[in-house]
Amino acid sequence: MSILEQAFVPTTGPQIITICGDAGVGKSSLAATFPNPIFVRAEDGVARIPEAFRPKALPPIRNEDALWDQLKALIHEPHDFKTCVIDTISAADRMFVQSILKQDGRAKSINSAMGGYGAGFSALAAKHQQLRNAAEMMRIKRGMNVVFLAHTEIGNVRPPDGDDYSRYSLRMTHDKSLPPYIDDVDAVGFLRQRVVLRGDDGERKKAISDETRELVMHLTASNISKNAYGITEPLEVKLGENPLAEFITNGETK
């Protein structure tokens, strides 16, 4: 059989998704609506989920070794969980920085770690790629969805063919660590409160928000987001309901 005769139409399997947003907006509550989730806690967003919707979680992680131990257990040990939630990669980023500084022993900041000249940032990016690789192993070996949660910060974009502008991005120590969670995932969602501006013409308008949450997954200049599901408008997010349910498998290939 020739190589070309082996071509086939790929099927849709478990998803790897990044969900970002400000603190307290409901990232953990949304992640808890994915199929049979288990939370890996670099920080404890699970404790703030309403009790009726609170999922199972592994013990809080205090160091990098504990993170890898929990992920190895989810990859290799028998269990029925269908979704692994990493809460959050922003907290894991801080943990990785401390691990690199401890390994260096002399550096006082990630800028000068590993001899400087960007080596510390490269080492940090490698750890994030290792975390993304672990997610892929859970998807392949265990048929699990993986949800990365992240805090946001406002960053500057400097396009070569236009003016600079600002947008929401993932809160990480360095941009080198972003690709595993933006480029190499099935979707990126930005969770926000719905905001409207009120005021008379010519006057300074006030931002008014309610309890309505929206998940932005389509391409927009104001924030990091993408999807391959055909979503083109913000999705309303209700407590205990998953607006992506029709696109998420239960550990099986569609």
C-alpha atoms as a PDB file:
ATOM      1  CA  MET A   1       0.000   0.000   0.000  1.00  0.00           C
ATOM      2  CA  SER A   2       1.367   3.418  -0.953  1.00  0.00           C
ATOM      3  CA  ILE A   3       1.513   6.300   1.503  1.00  0.00           C
ATOM      4  CA  LEU A   4      -1.198   8.188  -0.403  1.00  0.00           C
ATOM      5  CA  GLU A   5      -3.574   5.231  -0.175  1.00  0.00           C
ATOM      6  CA  GLN A   6      -3.459   5.585   3.602  1.00  0.00           C
ATOM      7  CA  ALA A   7      -5.181   8.985   3.507  1.00  0.00           C
ATOM      8  CA  PHE A   8      -8.451   9.199   5.486  1.00  0.00           C
ATOM      9  CA  VAL A   9     -10.917  11.764   6.837  1.00  0.00           C
ATOM     10  CA  PRO A  10      -9.989  12.465  10.490  1.00  0.00           C
ATOM     11  CA  THR A  11     -12.703  12.039  13.119  1.00  0.00           C
ATOM     12  CA  THR A  12     -13.444  14.326  16.067  1.00  0.00           C
ATOM     13  CA  GLY A  13     -12.213  13.042  19.402  1.00  0.00           C
ATOM     14  CA  PRO A  14     -11.727  14.442  22.904  1.00  0.00           C
ATOM     15  CA  GLN A  15     -11.003  18.156  22.927  1.00  0.00           C
ATOM     16  CA  ILE A  16      -8.203  20.226  24.427  1.00  0.00           C
ATOM     17  CA  ILE A  17      -9.497  23.701  25.234  1.00  0.00           C
ATOM     18  CA  THR A  18      -8.160  26.830  26.923  1.00  0.00           C
ATOM     19  CA  ILE A  19     -10.612  29.023  28.848  1.00  0.00           C
ATOM     20  CA  CYS A  20      -9.364  32.365  30.110  1.00  0.00           C
ATOM     21  CA  GLY A  21     -10.915  35.251  31.991  1.00  0.00           C
ATOM     22  CA  ASP A  22     -10.601  37.599  34.938  1.00  0.00           C
ATOM     23  CA  ALA A  23     -10.550  36.279  38.492  1.00  0.00           C
ATOM     24  CA  GLY A  24     -14.010  35.385  39.787  1.00  0.00           C
ATOM     25  CA  VAL A  25     -15.737  35.404  36.407  1.00  0.00           C
ATOM     26  CA  GLY A  26     -16.637  31.701  36.630  1.00  0.00           C
ATOM     27  CA  LYS A  27     -13.912  29.790  34.775  1.00  0.00           C
ATOM     28  CA  SER A  28     -13.884  26.905  37.247  1.00  0.00           C
ATOM     29  CA  SER A  29     -17.687  26.716  37.337  1.00  0.00           C
ATOM     30  CA  LEU A  30     -17.763  26.466  33.545  1.00  0.00           C
ATOM     31  CA  ALA A  31     -15.014  23.809  33.494  1.00  0.00           C
ATOM     32  CA  ALA A  32     -17.001  21.792  36.051  1.00  0.00           C
ATOM     33  CA  THR A  33     -19.767  21.301  33.450  1.00  0.00           C
ATOM     34  CA  PHE A  34     -17.508  19.239  31.168  1.00  0.00           C
ATOM     35  CA  PRO A  35     -18.032  15.437  31.182  1.00  0.00           C
ATOM     36  CA  ASN A  36     -17.083  13.830  34.534  1.00  0.00           C
ATOM     37  CA  PRO A  37     -14.257  16.251  35.406  1.00  0.00           C
ATOM     38  CA  ILE A  38     -11.347  15.952  37.809  1.00  0.00           C
ATOM     39  CA  PHE A  39      -9.530  19.144  38.830  1.00  0.00           C
ATOM     40  CA  VAL A  40      -5.754  19.411  39.115  1.00  0.00           C
ATOM     41  CA  ARG A  41      -5.340  22.387  41.438  1.00  0.00           C
ATOM     42  CA  ALA A  42      -2.388  24.707  41.132  1.00  0.00           C
ATOM     43  CA  GLU A  43      -4.892  27.092  42.729  1.00  0.00           C
ATOM     44  CA  ASP A  44      -8.217  26.367  44.356  1.00  0.00           C
ATOM     45  CA  GLY A  45     -11.018  27.624  42.140  1.00  0.00           C
ATOM     46  CA  VAL A  46     -13.038  24.487  42.934  1.00  0.00           C
ATOM     47  CA  ALA A  47     -13.785  25.657  46.474  1.00  0.00           C
ATOM     48  CA  ARG A  48     -15.628  28.678  45.053  1.00  0.00           C
ATOM     49  CA  ILE A  49     -17.953  26.628  42.855  1.00  0.00           C
ATOM     50  CA  PRO A  50     -21.496  26.334  44.296  1.00  0.00           C
ATOM     51  CA  GLU A  51     -21.644  23.095  46.256  1.00  0.00           C
ATOM     52  CA  ALA A  52     -24.402  21.593  44.126  1.00  0.00           C
ATOM     53  CA  PHE A  53     -22.122  21.776  41.067  1.00  0.00           C
ATOM     54  CA  ARG A  54     -18.754  21.142  42.728  1.00  0.00           C
ATOM     55  CA  PRO A  55     -16.726  18.357  41.044  1.00  0.00           C
ATOM     56  CA  LYS A  56     -14.046  16.060  42.403  1.00  0.00           C
ATOM     57  CA  ALA A  57     -10.520  17.428  42.737  1.00  0.00           C
ATOM     58  CA  LEU A  58      -7.076  16.110  43.575  1.00  0.00           C
ATOM     59  CA  PRO A  59      -5.166  17.558  46.558  1.00  0.00           C
ATOM     60  CA  PRO A  60      -3.800  21.085  45.999  1.00  0.00           C
ATOM     61  CA  ILE A  61      -0.401  21.204  44.304  1.00  0.00           C
ATOM     62  CA  ARG A  62       2.419  22.884  46.210  1.00  0.00           C
ATOM     63  CA  ASN A  63       5.318  22.167  43.867  1.00  0.00           C
ATOM     64  CA  GLU A  64       6.119  21.035  40.329  1.00  0.00           C
ATOM     65  CA  ASP A  65       6.833  17.428  41.311  1.00  0.00           C
ATOM     66  CA  ALA A  66       3.305  17.055  42.721  1.00  0.00           C
ATOM     67  CA  LEU A  67       1.895  18.332  39.425  1.00  0.00           C
ATOM     68  CA  TRP A  68       3.711  15.700  37.363  1.00  0.00           C
ATOM     69  CA  ASP A  69       2.783  12.966  39.866  1.00  0.00           C
ATOM     70  CA  GLN A  70      -0.924  13.770  39.539  1.00  0.00           C
ATOM     71  CA  LEU A  71      -0.795  13.951  35.751  1.00  0.00           C
ATOM     72  CA  LYS A  72       1.086  10.635  35.537  1.00  0.00           C
ATOM     73  CA  ALA A  73      -1.593   9.028  37.707  1.00  0.00           C
ATOM     74  CA  LEU A  74      -4.340  10.308  35.415  1.00  0.00           C
ATOM     75  CA  ILE A  75      -2.475   8.975  32.373  1.00  0.00           C
ATOM     76  CA  HIS A  76      -1.474   5.553  33.684  1.00  0.00           C
ATOM     77  CA  GLU A  77      -3.823   4.541  36.513  1.00  0.00           C
ATOM     78  CA  PRO A  78      -7.363   3.207  35.892  1.00  0.00           C
ATOM     79  CA  HIS A  79     -10.203   5.689  36.452  1.00  0.00           C
ATOM     80  CA  ASP A  80     -13.512   6.851  34.948  1.00  0.00           C
ATOM     81  CA  PHE A  81     -12.832  10.588  34.640  1.00  0.00           C
ATOM     82  CA  LYS A  82     -13.554  12.041  31.204  1.00  0.00           C
ATOM     83  CA  THR A  83     -12.122  15.557  31.599  1.00  0.00           C
ATOM     84  CA  CYS A  84      -8.967  16.858  33.273  1.00  0.00           C
ATOM     85  CA  VAL A  85      -9.111  20.521  34.298  1.00  0.00           C
ATOM     86  CA  ILE A  86      -5.797  22.293  34.955  1.00  0.00           C
ATOM     87  CA  ASP A  87      -6.666  25.134  37.350  1.00  0.00           C
ATOM     88  CA  THR A  88      -4.782  27.303  36.386  1.00  0.00           C
ATOM     89  CA  ILE A  89      -1.873  27.419  33.948  1.00  0.00           C
ATOM     90  CA  SER A  90      -1.199  30.950  35.257  1.00  0.00           C
ATOM     91  CA  ALA A  91      -0.549  29.481  38.717  1.00  0.00           C
ATOM     92  CA  ALA A  92       1.455  26.630  37.172  1.00  0.00           C
ATOM     93  CA  ASP A  93       3.551  29.275  35.417  1.00  0.00           C
ATOM     94  CA  ARG A  94       4.527  30.798  38.760  1.00  0.00           C
ATOM     95  CA  MET A  95       5.330  27.332  40.065  1.00  0.00           C
ATOM     96  CA  PHE A  96       7.558  26.622  37.068  1.00  0.00           C
ATOM     97  CA  VAL A  97       9.399  29.917  37.581  1.00  0.00           C
ATOM     98  CA  GLN A  98      10.152  29.014  41.196  1.00  0.00           C
ATOM     99  CA  SER A  99      11.333  25.579  40.118  1.00  0.00           C
ATOM    100  CA  ILE A 100      13.757  27.081  37.586  1.00  0.00           C
ATOM    101  CA  LEU A 101      15.105  29.575  40.137  1.00  0.00           C
ATOM    102  CA  LYS A 102      15.579  26.789  42.668  1.00  0.00           C
ATOM    103  CA  GLN A 103      17.411  24.707  40.082  1.00  0.00           C
ATOM    104  CA  ASP A 104      19.671  27.634  39.175  1.00  0.00           C
ATOM    105  CA  GLY A 105      20.446  28.445  42.793  1.00  0.00           C
ATOM    106  CA  ARG A 106      22.038  31.833  42.104  1.00  0.00           C
ATOM    107  CA  ALA A 107      19.561  33.693  39.907  1.00  0.00           C
ATOM    108  CA  LYS A 108      17.200  36.101  41.657  1.00  0.00           C
ATOM    109  CA  SER A 109      14.814  36.412  38.710  1.00  0.00           C
ATOM    110  CA  ILE A 110      13.805  34.430  35.644  1.00  0.00           C
ATOM    111  CA  ASN A 111      15.532  37.093  33.510  1.00  0.00           C
ATOM    112  CA  SER A 112      18.951  36.029  34.757  1.00  0.00           C
ATOM    113  CA  ALA A 113      18.214  32.327  35.287  1.00  0.00           C
ATOM    114  CA  MET A 114      20.139  29.605  33.438  1.00  0.00           C
ATOM    115  CA  GLY A 115      22.845  32.065  32.447  1.00  0.00           C
ATOM    116  CA  GLY A 116      20.523  34.789  31.183  1.00  0.00           C
ATOM    117  CA  TYR A 117      20.130  35.851  27.544  1.00  0.00           C
ATOM    118  CA  GLY A 118      16.616  34.397  27.427  1.00  0.00           C
ATOM    119  CA  ALA A 119      17.632  30.915  28.605  1.00  0.00           C
ATOM    120  CA  GLY A 120      15.333  31.131  31.625  1.00  0.00           C
ATOM    121  CA  PHE A 121      12.362  32.006  29.460  1.00  0.00           C
ATOM    122  CA  SER A 122      13.176  29.138  27.109  1.00  0.00           C
ATOM    123  CA  ALA A 123      13.356  26.716  30.048  1.00  0.00           C
ATOM    124  CA  LEU A 124       9.996  28.033  31.258  1.00  0.00           C
ATOM    125  CA  ALA A 125       8.436  27.559  27.815  1.00  0.00           C
ATOM    126  CA  ALA A 126       9.768  23.973  27.749  1.00  0.00           C
ATOM    127  CA  LYS A 127       7.938  23.185  30.991  1.00  0.00           C
ATOM    128  CA  HIS A 128       4.688  24.505  29.552  1.00  0.00           C
ATOM    129  CA  GLN A 129       5.214  22.363  26.453  1.00  0.00           C
ATOM    130  CA  GLN A 130       5.727  19.383  28.761  1.00  0.00           C
ATOM    131  CA  LEU A 131       2.365  20.163  30.383  1.00  0.00           C
ATOM    132  CA  ARG A 132       0.747  20.347  26.946  1.00  0.00           C
ATOM    133  CA  ASN A 133       2.361  17.002  26.053  1.00  0.00           C
ATOM    134  CA  ALA A 134       0.851  15.447  29.183  1.00  0.00           C
ATOM    135  CA  ALA A 135      -2.553  16.700  28.055  1.00  0.00           C
ATOM    136  CA  GLU A 136      -2.051  14.992  24.702  1.00  0.00           C
ATOM    137  CA  MET A 137      -1.202  11.734  26.463  1.00  0.00           C
ATOM    138  CA  MET A 138      -4.445  11.955  28.451  1.00  0.00           C
ATOM    139  CA  ARG A 139      -6.357  12.523  25.224  1.00  0.00           C
ATOM    140  CA  ILE A 140      -4.693   9.634  23.358  1.00  0.00           C
ATOM    141  CA  LYS A 141      -4.290   7.039  26.122  1.00  0.00           C
ATOM    142  CA  ARG A 142      -7.312   7.816  28.297  1.00  0.00           C
ATOM    143  CA  GLY A 143      -9.735   9.406  25.834  1.00  0.00           C
ATOM    144  CA  MET A 144     -10.010  12.463  28.088  1.00  0.00           C
ATOM    145  CA  ASN A 145     -10.883  16.049  27.316  1.00  0.00           C
ATOM    146  CA  VAL A 146      -8.451  18.548  28.837  1.00  0.00           C
ATOM    147  CA  VAL A 147      -9.399  22.077  29.881  1.00  0.00           C
ATOM    148  CA  PHE A 148      -6.673  24.604  30.652  1.00  0.00           C
ATOM    149  CA  LEU A 149      -7.881  27.518  32.783  1.00  0.00           C
ATOM    150  CA  ALA A 150      -5.960  30.797  32.707  1.00  0.00           C
ATOM    151  CA  HIS A 151      -6.172  34.296  34.116  1.00  0.00           C
ATOM    152  CA  THR A 152      -6.019  37.209  31.700  1.00  0.00           C
ATOM    153  CA  GLU A 153      -4.036  40.381  31.372  1.00  0.00           C
ATOM    154  CA  ILE A 154      -4.067  43.195  28.841  1.00  0.00           C
ATOM    155  CA  GLY A 155      -1.215  42.973  26.380  1.00  0.00           C
ATOM    156  CA  ASN A 156      -0.074  45.089  23.459  1.00  0.00           C
ATOM    157  CA  VAL A 157      -0.184  43.899  19.853  1.00  0.00           C
ATOM    158  CA  ARG A 158       2.167  45.507  17.358  1.00  0.00           C
ATOM    159  CA  PRO A 159       1.150  44.415  13.850  1.00  0.00           C
ATOM    160  CA  PRO A 160       3.647  45.195  11.094  1.00  0.00           C
ATOM    161  CA  ASP A 161       0.915  46.590   8.839  1.00  0.00           C
ATOM    162  CA  GLY A 162      -1.140  48.696  11.256  1.00  0.00           C
ATOM    163  CA  ASP A 163      -1.283  50.669  14.478  1.00  0.00           C
ATOM    164  CA  ASP A 164      -0.639  49.121  17.865  1.00  0.00           C
ATOM    165  CA  TYR A 165      -3.631  48.038  19.933  1.00  0.00           C
ATOM    166  CA  SER A 166      -4.409  46.250  23.203  1.00  0.00           C
ATOM    167  CA  ARG A 167      -6.193  42.958  23.792  1.00  0.00           C
ATOM    168  CA  TYR A 168      -6.804  40.420  26.531  1.00  0.00           C
ATOM    169  CA  SER A 169      -4.283  37.577  26.551  1.00  0.00           C
ATOM    170  CA  LEU A 170      -3.210  34.813  28.930  1.00  0.00           C
ATOM    171  CA  ARG A 171      -1.376  35.917  32.072  1.00  0.00           C
ATOM    172  CA  MET A 172       2.030  34.310  31.728  1.00  0.00           C
ATOM    173  CA  THR A 173       5.574  35.352  32.600  1.00  0.00           C
ATOM    174  CA  HIS A 174       6.673  35.400  28.959  1.00  0.00           C
ATOM    175  CA  ASP A 175       5.060  35.164  25.523  1.00  0.00           C
ATOM    176  CA  LYS A 176       7.253  32.144  24.699  1.00  0.00           C
ATOM    177  CA  SER A 177       4.981  30.082  26.972  1.00  0.00           C
ATOM    178  CA  LEU A 178       1.743  30.975  25.139  1.00  0.00           C
ATOM    179  CA  PRO A 179       1.801  28.723  22.004  1.00  0.00           C
ATOM    180  CA  PRO A 180       0.989  25.405  23.758  1.00  0.00           C
ATOM    181  CA  TYR A 181      -2.274  26.923  25.039  1.00  0.00           C
ATOM    182  CA  ILE A 182      -3.231  29.067  22.045  1.00  0.00           C
ATOM    183  CA  ASP A 183      -1.769  27.593  18.849  1.00  0.00           C
ATOM    184  CA  ASP A 184      -1.859  23.912  19.831  1.00  0.00           C
ATOM    185  CA  VAL A 185      -5.391  23.539  21.226  1.00  0.00           C
ATOM    186  CA  ASP A 186      -8.788  22.919  19.638  1.00  0.00           C
ATOM    187  CA  ALA A 187     -10.366  26.099  20.973  1.00  0.00           C
ATOM    188  CA  VAL A 188      -9.651  29.150  23.117  1.00  0.00           C
ATOM    189  CA  GLY A 189     -12.521  30.816  24.952  1.00  0.00           C
ATOM    190  CA  PHE A 190     -12.599  34.189  26.715  1.00  0.00           C
ATOM    191  CA  LEU A 191     -15.135  34.248  29.555  1.00  0.00           C
ATOM    192  CA  ARG A 192     -16.484  37.670  30.493  1.00  0.00           C
ATOM    193  CA  GLN A 193     -19.351  39.482  32.140  1.00  0.00           C
ATOM    194  CA  ARG A 194     -21.774  41.121  29.747  1.00  0.00           C
ATOM    195  CA  VAL A 195     -21.207  44.894  29.857  1.00  0.00           C
ATOM    196  CA  VAL A 196     -23.279  47.722  28.384  1.00  0.00           C
ATOM    197  CA  LEU A 197     -22.434  51.433  28.267  1.00  0.00           C
ATOM    198  CA  ARG A 198     -25.065  53.869  29.488  1.00  0.00           C
ATOM    199  CA  GLY A 199     -25.139  57.642  29.381  1.00  0.00           C
ATOM    200  CA  ASP A 200     -26.259  60.603  27.324  1.00  0.00           C
ATOM    201  CA  ASP A 201     -24.518  61.620  24.131  1.00  0.00           C
ATOM    202  CA  GLY A 202     -21.561  63.868  24.793  1.00  0.00           C
ATOM    203  CA  GLU A 203     -21.175  62.652  28.373  1.00  0.00           C
ATOM    204  CA  ARG A 204     -18.824  60.106  29.830  1.00  0.00           C
ATOM    205  CA  LYS A 205     -20.643  56.768  29.712  1.00  0.00           C
ATOM    206  CA  LYS A 206     -20.713  54.268  32.577  1.00  0.00           C
ATOM    207  CA  ALA A 207     -20.051  50.558  32.150  1.00  0.00           C
ATOM    208  CA  ILE A 208     -22.963  48.588  33.606  1.00  0.00           C
ATOM    209  CA  SER A 209     -22.752  44.809  34.021  1.00  0.00           C
ATOM    210  CA  ASP A 210     -25.117  42.156  35.320  1.00  0.00           C
ATOM    211  CA  GLU A 211     -24.619  38.526  36.305  1.00  0.00           C
ATOM    212  CA  THR A 212     -24.753  37.333  32.700  1.00  0.00           C
ATOM    213  CA  ARG A 213     -21.599  35.566  31.538  1.00  0.00           C
ATOM    214  CA  GLU A 214     -20.549  35.244  27.919  1.00  0.00           C
ATOM    215  CA  LEU A 215     -18.008  32.929  26.338  1.00  0.00           C
ATOM    216  CA  VAL A 216     -16.290  34.495  23.332  1.00  0.00           C
ATOM    217  CA  MET A 217     -14.792  31.840  21.058  1.00  0.00           C
ATOM    218  CA  HIS A 218     -14.733  33.488  17.656  1.00  0.00           C
ATOM    219  CA  LEU A 219     -11.864  35.515  16.210  1.00  0.00           C
ATOM    220  CA  THR A 220     -11.861  39.079  17.525  1.00  0.00           C
ATOM    221  CA  ALA A 221      -9.273  41.808  17.995  1.00  0.00           C
ATOM    222  CA  SER A 222     -10.171  42.480  21.638  1.00  0.00           C
ATOM    223  CA  ASN A 223      -9.097  39.125  23.101  1.00  0.00           C
ATOM    224  CA  ILE A 224      -7.420  35.791  22.454  1.00  0.00           C
ATOM    225  CA  SER A 225     -10.045  33.337  21.152  1.00  0.00           C
ATOM    226  CA  LYS A 226     -10.590  30.782  18.410  1.00  0.00           C
ATOM    227  CA  ASN A 227     -12.661  27.716  17.580  1.00  0.00           C
ATOM    228  CA  ALA A 228     -13.243  25.147  14.846  1.00  0.00           C
ATOM    229  CA  TYR A 229     -16.902  24.616  15.737  1.00  0.00           C
ATOM    230  CA  GLY A 230     -18.415  27.317  13.540  1.00  0.00           C
ATOM    231  CA  ILE A 231     -19.203  29.595  16.514  1.00  0.00           C
ATOM    232  CA  THR A 232     -19.387  33.232  15.413  1.00  0.00           C
ATOM    233  CA  GLU A 233     -21.209  34.958  18.303  1.00  0.00           C
ATOM    234  CA  PRO A 234     -20.708  35.075  22.090  1.00  0.00           C
ATOM    235  CA  LEU A 235     -22.349  32.178  23.944  1.00  0.00           C
ATOM    236  CA  GLU A 236     -24.371  32.808  27.090  1.00  0.00           C
ATOM    237  CA  VAL A 237     -23.036  30.803  30.019  1.00  0.00           C
ATOM    238  CA  LYS A 238     -25.528  29.614  32.648  1.00  0.00           C
ATOM    239  CA  LEU A 239     -24.544  28.051  35.953  1.00  0.00           C
ATOM    240  CA  GLY A 240     -24.411  24.259  35.667  1.00  0.00           C
ATOM    241  CA  GLU A 241     -24.777  24.241  31.867  1.00  0.00           C
ATOM    242  CA  ASN A 242     -22.072  23.789  29.239  1.00  0.00           C
ATOM    243  CA  PRO A 243     -22.603  25.952  26.137  1.00  0.00           C
ATOM    244  CA  LEU A 244     -20.140  23.707  24.261  1.00  0.00           C
ATOM    245  CA  ALA A 245     -21.889  20.431  25.108  1.00  0.00           C
ATOM    246  CA  GLU A 246     -22.705  19.552  21.487  1.00  0.00           C
ATOM    247  CA  PHE A 247     -19.021  19.808  20.526  1.00  0.00           C
ATOM    248  CA  ILE A 248     -17.522  17.912  23.476  1.00  0.00           C
ATOM    249  CA  THR A 249     -17.194  14.138  23.477  1.00  0.00           C
ATOM    250  CA  ASN A 250     -17.710  11.918  26.489  1.00  0.00           C
ATOM    251  CA  GLY A 251     -14.389  10.184  26.031  1.00  0.00           C
ATOM    252  CA  GLU A 252     -15.417   8.793  22.634  1.00  0.00           C
ATOM    253  CA  THR A 253     -14.628   9.744  19.065  1.00  0.00           C
ATOM    254  CA  LYS A 254     -17.488  11.279  17.084  1.00  0.00           C
END
